[in-house]
PDB file of N, CA and C in Angstrom:
ATOM      1  N   UNK A   1      41.679 -70.523  12.239  1.00  0.00           N
ATOM      2  CA  UNK A   1      41.172 -70.035  10.962  1.00  0.00           C
ATOM      3  C   UNK A   1      41.740 -68.658  10.649  1.00  0.00           C
ATOM      4  N   UNK A   2      41.755 -67.776  11.642  1.00  0.00           N
ATOM      5  CA  UNK A   2      42.279 -66.424  11.418  1.00  0.00           C
ATOM      6  C   UNK A   2      43.742 -66.469  10.995  1.00  0.00           C
ATOM      7  N   UNK A   3      44.508 -67.373  11.565  1.00  0.00           N
ATOM      8  CA  UNK A   3      45.917 -67.486  11.178  1.00  0.00           C
ATOM      9  C   UNK A   3      46.038 -68.037   9.764  1.00  0.00           C
ATOM     10  N   UNK A   4      45.261 -69.021   9.409  1.00  0.00           N
ATOM     11  CA  UNK A   4      45.297 -69.573   8.046  1.00  0.00           C
ATOM     12  C   UNK A   4      44.926 -68.519   7.023  1.00  0.00           C
ATOM     13  N   UNK A   5      43.996 -67.643   7.374  1.00  0.00           N
ATOM     14  CA  UNK A   5      43.553 -66.592   6.457  1.00  0.00           C
ATOM     15  C   UNK A   5      44.515 -65.407   6.427  1.00  0.00           C
ATOM     16  N   UNK A   6      45.499 -65.390   7.307  1.00  0.00           N
ATOM     17  CA  UNK A   6      46.462 -64.297   7.335  1.00  0.00           C
ATOM     18  C   UNK A   6      45.995 -63.071   8.100  1.00  0.00           C
ATOM     19  N   UNK A   7      44.949 -63.206   8.890  1.00  0.00           N
ATOM     20  CA  UNK A   7      44.428 -62.080   9.671  1.00  0.00           C
ATOM     21  C   UNK A   7      45.293 -61.831  10.904  1.00  0.00           C
ATOM     22  N   UNK A   8      45.832 -62.906  11.475  1.00  0.00           N
ATOM     23  CA  UNK A   8      46.728 -62.804  12.629  1.00  0.00           C
ATOM     24  C   UNK A   8      48.021 -63.547  12.307  1.00  0.00           C
ATOM     25  N   UNK A   9      49.100 -63.167  12.977  1.00  0.00           N
ATOM     26  CA  UNK A   9      50.390 -63.797  12.746  1.00  0.00           C
ATOM     27  C   UNK A   9      50.622 -65.035  13.600  1.00  0.00           C
ATOM     28  N   UNK A  10      49.968 -65.072  14.737  1.00  0.00           N
ATOM     29  CA  UNK A  10      50.246 -66.148  15.683  1.00  0.00           C
ATOM     30  C   UNK A  10      49.028 -66.384  16.561  1.00  0.00           C
ATOM     31  N   UNK A  11      48.846 -67.631  16.964  1.00  0.00           N
ATOM     32  CA  UNK A  11      47.773 -68.006  17.876  1.00  0.00           C
ATOM     33  C   UNK A  11      48.409 -68.746  19.047  1.00  0.00           C
ATOM     34  N   UNK A  12      48.047 -68.355  20.258  1.00  0.00           N
ATOM     35  CA  UNK A  12      48.576 -69.021  21.451  1.00  0.00           C
ATOM     36  C   UNK A  12      47.427 -69.411  22.370  1.00  0.00           C
ATOM     37  N   UNK A  13      47.699 -70.374  23.220  1.00  0.00           N
ATOM     38  CA  UNK A  13      46.706 -70.782  24.216  1.00  0.00           C
ATOM     39  C   UNK A  13      46.490 -69.643  25.205  1.00  0.00           C
ATOM     40  N   UNK A  14      45.301 -69.538  25.770  1.00  0.00           N
ATOM     41  CA  UNK A  14      45.010 -68.436  26.700  1.00  0.00           C
ATOM     42  C   UNK A  14      46.049 -68.267  27.807  1.00  0.00           C
ATOM     43  N   UNK A  15      46.544 -69.371  28.367  1.00  0.00           N
ATOM     44  CA  UNK A  15      47.516 -69.263  29.454  1.00  0.00           C
ATOM     45  C   UNK A  15      48.893 -68.802  28.969  1.00  0.00           C
ATOM     46  N   UNK A  16      49.127 -68.849  27.662  1.00  0.00           N
ATOM     47  CA  UNK A  16      50.396 -68.393  27.087  1.00  0.00           C
ATOM     48  C   UNK A  16      50.323 -66.953  26.573  1.00  0.00           C
ATOM     49  N   UNK A  17      49.133 -66.367  26.595  1.00  0.00           N
ATOM     50  CA  UNK A  17      48.943 -65.054  25.986  1.00  0.00           C
ATOM     51  C   UNK A  17      49.802 -63.967  26.628  1.00  0.00           C
ATOM     52  N   UNK A  18      49.731 -63.801  27.933  1.00  0.00           N
ATOM     53  CA  UNK A  18      50.495 -62.746  28.597  1.00  0.00           C
ATOM     54  C   UNK A  18      52.007 -62.943  28.449  1.00  0.00           C
ATOM     55  N   UNK A  19      52.533 -64.151  28.711  1.00  0.00           N
ATOM     56  CA  UNK A  19      53.975 -64.331  28.512  1.00  0.00           C
ATOM     57  C   UNK A  19      54.424 -64.060  27.061  1.00  0.00           C
ATOM     58  N   UNK A  20      53.613 -64.473  26.091  1.00  0.00           N
ATOM     59  CA  UNK A  20      53.980 -64.240  24.691  1.00  0.00           C
ATOM     60  C   UNK A  20      53.917 -62.756  24.359  1.00  0.00           C
ATOM     61  N   UNK A  21      52.890 -62.062  24.857  1.00  0.00           N
ATOM     62  CA  UNK A  21      52.774 -60.619  24.621  1.00  0.00           C
ATOM     63  C   UNK A  21      53.957 -59.876  25.244  1.00  0.00           C
ATOM     64  N   UNK A  22      54.362 -60.284  26.434  1.00  0.00           N
ATOM     65  CA  UNK A  22      55.516 -59.658  27.084  1.00  0.00           C
ATOM     66  C   UNK A  22      56.804 -59.920  26.306  1.00  0.00           C
ATOM     67  N   UNK A  23      56.949 -61.124  25.776  1.00  0.00           N
ATOM     68  CA  UNK A  23      58.137 -61.450  24.981  1.00  0.00           C
ATOM     69  C   UNK A  23      58.176 -60.613  23.702  1.00  0.00           C
ATOM     70  N   UNK A  24      57.036 -60.463  23.049  1.00  0.00           N
ATOM     71  CA  UNK A  24      56.984 -59.631  21.839  1.00  0.00           C
ATOM     72  C   UNK A  24      57.273 -58.167  22.164  1.00  0.00           C
ATOM     73  N   UNK A  25      56.718 -57.681  23.258  1.00  0.00           N
ATOM     74  CA  UNK A  25      56.960 -56.294  23.667  1.00  0.00           C
ATOM     75  C   UNK A  25      58.443 -56.066  23.962  1.00  0.00           C
ATOM     76  N   UNK A  26      59.080 -57.019  24.625  1.00  0.00           N
ATOM     77  CA  UNK A  26      60.504 -56.899  24.921  1.00  0.00           C
ATOM     78  C   UNK A  26      61.321 -56.891  23.628  1.00  0.00           C
ATOM     79  N   UNK A  27      60.927 -57.696  22.667  1.00  0.00           N
ATOM     80  CA  UNK A  27      61.630 -57.734  21.370  1.00  0.00           C
ATOM     81  C   UNK A  27      61.474 -56.397  20.644  1.00  0.00           C
ATOM     82  N   UNK A  28      60.271 -55.885  20.592  1.00  0.00           N
ATOM     83  CA  UNK A  28      60.007 -54.611  19.907  1.00  0.00           C
ATOM     84  C   UNK A  28      60.736 -53.466  20.594  1.00  0.00           C
ATOM     85  N   UNK A  29      60.822 -53.500  21.915  1.00  0.00           N
ATOM     86  CA  UNK A  29      61.469 -52.427  22.673  1.00  0.00           C
ATOM     87  C   UNK A  29      62.960 -52.316  22.377  1.00  0.00           C
ATOM     88  N   UNK A  30      63.553 -53.322  21.762  1.00  0.00           N
ATOM     89  CA  UNK A  30      64.970 -53.279  21.431  1.00  0.00           C
ATOM     90  C   UNK A  30      65.262 -52.433  20.198  1.00  0.00           C
ATOM     91  N   UNK A  31      64.232 -52.101  19.427  1.00  0.00           N
ATOM     92  CA  UNK A  31      64.427 -51.317  18.218  1.00  0.00           C
ATOM     93  C   UNK A  31      64.501 -49.829  18.546  1.00  0.00           C
ATOM     94  N   UNK A  32      65.020 -49.066  17.637  1.00  0.00           N
ATOM     95  CA  UNK A  32      65.184 -47.624  17.806  1.00  0.00           C
ATOM     96  C   UNK A  32      63.826 -46.972  18.082  1.00  0.00           C
ATOM     97  N   UNK A  33      63.746 -46.193  19.158  1.00  0.00           N
ATOM     98  CA  UNK A  33      62.484 -45.563  19.566  1.00  0.00           C
ATOM     99  C   UNK A  33      61.968 -44.581  18.525  1.00  0.00           C
ATOM    100  N   UNK A  34      62.852 -43.828  17.896  1.00  0.00           N
ATOM    101  CA  UNK A  34      62.431 -42.875  16.854  1.00  0.00           C
ATOM    102  C   UNK A  34      61.819 -43.627  15.684  1.00  0.00           C
ATOM    103  N   UNK A  35      62.468 -44.709  15.285  1.00  0.00           N
ATOM    104  CA  UNK A  35      61.969 -45.514  14.174  1.00  0.00           C
ATOM    105  C   UNK A  35      60.596 -46.108  14.493  1.00  0.00           C
ATOM    106  N   UNK A  36      60.432 -46.615  15.695  1.00  0.00           N
ATOM    107  CA  UNK A  36      59.140 -47.174  16.092  1.00  0.00           C
ATOM    108  C   UNK A  36      58.047 -46.109  16.082  1.00  0.00           C
ATOM    109  N   UNK A  37      58.369 -44.918  16.584  1.00  0.00           N
ATOM    110  CA  UNK A  37      57.397 -43.829  16.620  1.00  0.00           C
ATOM    111  C   UNK A  37      56.936 -43.459  15.214  1.00  0.00           C
ATOM    112  N   UNK A  38      57.887 -43.290  14.305  1.00  0.00           N
ATOM    113  CA  UNK A  38      57.521 -42.941  12.932  1.00  0.00           C
ATOM    114  C   UNK A  38      56.780 -44.077  12.235  1.00  0.00           C
ATOM    115  N   UNK A  39      57.120 -45.304  12.556  1.00  0.00           N
ATOM    116  CA  UNK A  39      56.422 -46.447  11.965  1.00  0.00           C
ATOM    117  C   UNK A  39      54.959 -46.455  12.378  1.00  0.00           C
ATOM    118  N   UNK A  40      54.693 -46.266  13.673  1.00  0.00           N
ATOM    119  CA  UNK A  40      53.304 -46.234  14.154  1.00  0.00           C
ATOM    120  C   UNK A  40      52.538 -45.071  13.516  1.00  0.00           C
ATOM    121  N   UNK A  41      53.178 -43.922  13.425  1.00  0.00           N
ATOM    122  CA  UNK A  41      52.541 -42.756  12.805  1.00  0.00           C
ATOM    123  C   UNK A  41      52.222 -43.048  11.335  1.00  0.00           C
ATOM    124  N   UNK A  42      53.155 -43.658  10.639  1.00  0.00           N
ATOM    125  CA  UNK A  42      52.963 -43.961   9.219  1.00  0.00           C
ATOM    126  C   UNK A  42      51.808 -44.923   8.994  1.00  0.00           C
ATOM    127  N   UNK A  43      51.712 -45.935   9.840  1.00  0.00           N
ATOM    128  CA  UNK A  43      50.629 -46.913   9.704  1.00  0.00           C
ATOM    129  C   UNK A  43      49.274 -46.227   9.828  1.00  0.00           C
ATOM    130  N   UNK A  44      49.176 -45.271  10.763  1.00  0.00           N
ATOM    131  CA  UNK A  44      47.906 -44.554  10.946  1.00  0.00           C
ATOM    132  C   UNK A  44      47.593 -43.641   9.767  1.00  0.00           C
ATOM    133  N   UNK A  45      48.598 -42.972   9.222  1.00  0.00           N
ATOM    134  CA  UNK A  45      48.357 -41.928   8.229  1.00  0.00           C
ATOM    135  C   UNK A  45      48.305 -42.408   6.786  1.00  0.00           C
ATOM    136  N   UNK A  46      49.056 -43.429   6.439  1.00  0.00           N
ATOM    137  CA  UNK A  46      49.193 -43.811   5.041  1.00  0.00           C
ATOM    138  C   UNK A  46      47.904 -44.395   4.461  1.00  0.00           C
ATOM    139  N   UNK A  47      47.057 -44.939   5.314  1.00  0.00           N
ATOM    140  CA  UNK A  47      45.797 -45.517   4.832  1.00  0.00           C
ATOM    141  C   UNK A  47      44.891 -44.468   4.188  1.00  0.00           C
ATOM    142  N   UNK A  48      45.079 -43.205   4.531  1.00  0.00           N
ATOM    143  CA  UNK A  48      44.230 -42.138   4.006  1.00  0.00           C
ATOM    144  C   UNK A  48      44.794 -41.476   2.752  1.00  0.00           C
ATOM    145  N   UNK A  49      45.872 -42.016   2.205  1.00  0.00           N
ATOM    146  CA  UNK A  49      46.528 -41.391   1.064  1.00  0.00           C
ATOM    147  C   UNK A  49      46.340 -42.222  -0.197  1.00  0.00           C
ATOM    148  N   UNK A  50      46.338 -41.545  -1.347  1.00  0.00           N
ATOM    149  CA  UNK A  50      46.322 -42.299  -2.594  1.00  0.00           C
ATOM    150  C   UNK A  50      47.744 -42.773  -2.894  1.00  0.00           C
ATOM    151  N   UNK A  51      47.911 -43.515  -3.999  1.00  0.00           N
ATOM    152  CA  UNK A  51      49.184 -44.144  -4.304  1.00  0.00           C
ATOM    153  C   UNK A  51      50.342 -43.141  -4.361  1.00  0.00           C
ATOM    154  N   UNK A  52      50.205 -42.081  -5.150  1.00  0.00           N
ATOM    155  CA  UNK A  52      51.312 -41.134  -5.310  1.00  0.00           C
ATOM    156  C   UNK A  52      51.592 -40.373  -4.008  1.00  0.00           C
ATOM    157  N   UNK A  53      50.559 -40.052  -3.262  1.00  0.00           N
ATOM    158  CA  UNK A  53      50.760 -39.416  -1.965  1.00  0.00           C
ATOM    159  C   UNK A  53      51.478 -40.368  -1.005  1.00  0.00           C
ATOM    160  N   UNK A  54      51.119 -41.643  -1.075  1.00  0.00           N
ATOM    161  CA  UNK A  54      51.755 -42.645  -0.229  1.00  0.00           C
ATOM    162  C   UNK A  54      53.243 -42.790  -0.542  1.00  0.00           C
ATOM    163  N   UNK A  55      53.585 -42.759  -1.826  1.00  0.00           N
ATOM    164  CA  UNK A  55      54.993 -42.827  -2.229  1.00  0.00           C
ATOM    165  C   UNK A  55      55.749 -41.611  -1.688  1.00  0.00           C
ATOM    166  N   UNK A  56      55.186 -40.435  -1.889  1.00  0.00           N
ATOM    167  CA  UNK A  56      55.820 -39.207  -1.388  1.00  0.00           C
ATOM    168  C   UNK A  56      55.952 -39.243   0.132  1.00  0.00           C
ATOM    169  N   UNK A  57      54.925 -39.716   0.799  1.00  0.00           N
ATOM    170  CA  UNK A  57      54.939 -39.816   2.258  1.00  0.00           C
ATOM    171  C   UNK A  57      56.070 -40.749   2.701  1.00  0.00           C
ATOM    172  N   UNK A  58      56.194 -41.890   2.046  1.00  0.00           N
ATOM    173  CA  UNK A  58      57.242 -42.839   2.390  1.00  0.00           C
ATOM    174  C   UNK A  58      58.631 -42.258   2.194  1.00  0.00           C
ATOM    175  N   UNK A  59      58.831 -41.533   1.111  1.00  0.00           N
ATOM    176  CA  UNK A  59      60.125 -40.899   0.857  1.00  0.00           C
ATOM    177  C   UNK A  59      60.448 -39.896   1.959  1.00  0.00           C
ATOM    178  N   UNK A  60      59.466 -39.077   2.312  1.00  0.00           N
ATOM    179  CA  UNK A  60      59.677 -38.075   3.362  1.00  0.00           C
ATOM    180  C   UNK A  60      59.926 -38.720   4.727  1.00  0.00           C
ATOM    181  N   UNK A  61      59.198 -39.790   5.033  1.00  0.00           N
ATOM    182  CA  UNK A  61      59.415 -40.485   6.305  1.00  0.00           C
ATOM    183  C   UNK A  61      60.825 -41.063   6.339  1.00  0.00           C
ATOM    184  N   UNK A  62      61.271 -41.621   5.231  1.00  0.00           N
ATOM    185  CA  UNK A  62      62.626 -42.158   5.164  1.00  0.00           C
ATOM    186  C   UNK A  62      63.668 -41.091   5.443  1.00  0.00           C
ATOM    187  N   UNK A  63      63.465 -39.914   4.879  1.00  0.00           N
ATOM    188  CA  UNK A  63      64.389 -38.799   5.121  1.00  0.00           C
ATOM    189  C   UNK A  63      64.398 -38.406   6.599  1.00  0.00           C
ATOM    190  N   UNK A  64      63.218 -38.279   7.180  1.00  0.00           N
ATOM    191  CA  UNK A  64      63.127 -37.911   8.593  1.00  0.00           C
ATOM    192  C   UNK A  64      63.809 -38.947   9.484  1.00  0.00           C
ATOM    193  N   UNK A  65      63.555 -40.211   9.209  1.00  0.00           N
ATOM    194  CA  UNK A  65      64.135 -41.278  10.026  1.00  0.00           C
ATOM    195  C   UNK A  65      65.651 -41.281   9.897  1.00  0.00           C
ATOM    196  N   UNK A  66      66.145 -41.184   8.667  1.00  0.00           N
ATOM    197  CA  UNK A  66      67.603 -41.187   8.465  1.00  0.00           C
ATOM    198  C   UNK A  66      68.267 -39.996   9.140  1.00  0.00           C
ATOM    199  N   UNK A  67      67.570 -38.866   9.185  1.00  0.00           N
ATOM    200  CA  UNK A  67      68.134 -37.671   9.809  1.00  0.00           C
ATOM    201  C   UNK A  67      68.198 -37.790  11.328  1.00  0.00           C
ATOM    202  N   UNK A  68      67.354 -38.625  11.918  1.00  0.00           N
ATOM    203  CA  UNK A  68      67.260 -38.697  13.376  1.00  0.00           C
ATOM    204  C   UNK A  68      67.791 -39.998  13.981  1.00  0.00           C
ATOM    205  N   UNK A  69      68.216 -40.937  13.155  1.00  0.00           N
ATOM    206  CA  UNK A  69      68.678 -42.227  13.670  1.00  0.00           C
ATOM    207  C   UNK A  69      69.933 -42.671  12.940  1.00  0.00           C
ATOM    208  N   UNK A  70      70.460 -43.790  13.384  1.00  0.00           N
ATOM    209  CA  UNK A  70      71.596 -44.419  12.717  1.00  0.00           C
ATOM    210  C   UNK A  70      71.134 -45.503  11.752  1.00  0.00           C
ATOM    211  N   UNK A  71      69.837 -45.530  11.435  1.00  0.00           N
ATOM    212  CA  UNK A  71      69.272 -46.601  10.621  1.00  0.00           C
ATOM    213  C   UNK A  71      69.963 -46.729   9.268  1.00  0.00           C
ATOM    214  N   UNK A  72      70.217 -45.624   8.596  1.00  0.00           N
ATOM    215  CA  UNK A  72      70.836 -45.688   7.269  1.00  0.00           C
ATOM    216  C   UNK A  72      72.244 -46.254   7.365  1.00  0.00           C
ATOM    217  N   UNK A  73      73.044 -45.758   8.291  1.00  0.00           N
ATOM    218  CA  UNK A  73      74.417 -46.230   8.445  1.00  0.00           C
ATOM    219  C   UNK A  73      74.439 -47.713   8.799  1.00  0.00           C
ATOM    220  N   UNK A  74      73.586 -48.106   9.735  1.00  0.00           N
ATOM    221  CA  UNK A  74      73.538 -49.506  10.144  1.00  0.00           C
ATOM    222  C   UNK A  74      73.054 -50.393   9.005  1.00  0.00           C
ATOM    223  N   UNK A  75      72.063 -49.922   8.259  1.00  0.00           N
ATOM    224  CA  UNK A  75      71.540 -50.699   7.139  1.00  0.00           C
ATOM    225  C   UNK A  75      72.575 -50.910   6.057  1.00  0.00           C
ATOM    226  N   UNK A  76      73.307 -49.868   5.720  1.00  0.00           N
ATOM    227  CA  UNK A  76      74.350 -49.972   4.698  1.00  0.00           C
ATOM    228  C   UNK A  76      75.459 -50.907   5.180  1.00  0.00           C
ATOM    229  N   UNK A  77      75.870 -50.762   6.435  1.00  0.00           N
ATOM    230  CA  UNK A  77      76.910 -51.634   6.991  1.00  0.00           C
ATOM    231  C   UNK A  77      76.467 -53.097   6.966  1.00  0.00           C
ATOM    232  N   UNK A  78      75.208 -53.340   7.338  1.00  0.00           N
ATOM    233  CA  UNK A  78      74.682 -54.707   7.332  1.00  0.00           C
ATOM    234  C   UNK A  78      74.671 -55.274   5.916  1.00  0.00           C
ATOM    235  N   UNK A  79      74.245 -54.461   4.962  1.00  0.00           N
ATOM    236  CA  UNK A  79      74.208 -54.894   3.567  1.00  0.00           C
ATOM    237  C   UNK A  79      75.604 -55.224   3.066  1.00  0.00           C
ATOM    238  N   UNK A  80      76.559 -54.332   3.325  1.00  0.00           N
ATOM    239  CA  UNK A  80      77.923 -54.531   2.841  1.00  0.00           C
ATOM    240  C   UNK A  80      78.602 -55.733   3.485  1.00  0.00           C
ATOM    241  N   UNK A  81      78.193 -56.069   4.718  1.00  0.00           N
ATOM    242  CA  UNK A  81      78.779 -57.229   5.384  1.00  0.00           C
ATOM    243  C   UNK A  81      78.095 -58.528   4.972  1.00  0.00           C
ATOM    244  N   UNK A  82      77.073 -58.426   4.127  1.00  0.00           N
ATOM    245  CA  UNK A  82      76.391 -59.616   3.630  1.00  0.00           C
ATOM    246  C   UNK A  82      75.263 -60.107   4.507  1.00  0.00           C
ATOM    247  N   UNK A  83      74.897 -59.336   5.527  1.00  0.00           N
ATOM    248  CA  UNK A  83      73.806 -59.757   6.413  1.00  0.00           C
ATOM    249  C   UNK A  83      72.497 -59.710   5.648  1.00  0.00           C
ATOM    250  N   UNK A  84      71.748 -60.799   5.720  1.00  0.00           N
ATOM    251  CA  UNK A  84      70.455 -60.841   5.068  1.00  0.00           C
ATOM    252  C   UNK A  84      69.377 -60.387   6.038  1.00  0.00           C
ATOM    253  N   UNK A  85      68.433 -59.618   5.548  1.00  0.00           N
ATOM    254  CA  UNK A  85      67.295 -59.132   6.342  1.00  0.00           C
ATOM    255  C   UNK A  85      67.759 -58.444   7.614  1.00  0.00           C
ATOM    256  N   UNK A  86      68.552 -57.361   7.507  1.00  0.00           N
ATOM    257  CA  UNK A  86      69.024 -56.679   8.709  1.00  0.00           C
ATOM    258  C   UNK A  86      67.860 -56.263   9.597  1.00  0.00           C
ATOM    259  N   UNK A  87      68.005 -56.476  10.899  1.00  0.00           N
ATOM    260  CA  UNK A  87      66.982 -56.081  11.853  1.00  0.00           C
ATOM    261  C   UNK A  87      65.930 -57.131  12.102  1.00  0.00           C
ATOM    262  N   UNK A  88      65.818 -58.123  11.208  1.00  0.00           N
ATOM    263  CA  UNK A  88      64.770 -59.124  11.346  1.00  0.00           C
ATOM    264  C   UNK A  88      64.882 -59.883  12.658  1.00  0.00           C
ATOM    265  N   UNK A  89      66.092 -60.239  13.052  1.00  0.00           N
ATOM    266  CA  UNK A  89      66.286 -61.003  14.268  1.00  0.00           C
ATOM    267  C   UNK A  89      66.967 -60.200  15.356  1.00  0.00           C
ATOM    268  N   UNK A  90      66.771 -58.890  15.343  1.00  0.00           N
ATOM    269  CA  UNK A  90      67.413 -58.016  16.334  1.00  0.00           C
ATOM    270  C   UNK A  90      67.048 -58.485  17.728  1.00  0.00           C
ATOM    271  N   UNK A  91      68.049 -58.545  18.570  1.00  0.00           N
ATOM    272  CA  UNK A  91      67.791 -58.905  19.956  1.00  0.00           C
ATOM    273  C   UNK A  91      67.852 -60.384  20.244  1.00  0.00           C
ATOM    274  N   UNK A  92      67.943 -61.226  19.220  1.00  0.00           N
ATOM    275  CA  UNK A  92      68.035 -62.660  19.465  1.00  0.00           C
ATOM    276  C   UNK A  92      69.487 -63.019  19.717  1.00  0.00           C
ATOM    277  N   UNK A  93      69.707 -63.898  20.645  1.00  0.00           N
ATOM    278  CA  UNK A  93      71.081 -64.308  20.979  1.00  0.00           C
ATOM    279  C   UNK A  93      71.568 -65.369  20.015  1.00  0.00           C
TER     280      UNK A  93
END
């Protein structure tokens, strides 16, 4: 029911929980650490902002991330090469 309602993304059997959690953690760990840190911070902070503050916050976070990572360069390269949804399947063989 929770998955049908969109509350959770996935449901697994109890015996599959730990292996699935480890697989998700390994997938997430492949992403840029700076980007992950700012993403977690943003999720915590943006809920307390109104719309215009949230827009400004997002713009500033984007600037900080681009200044500290290769995300902008990689994103532009992916776009120009025609890759759809860059980063969506990062780490998959």
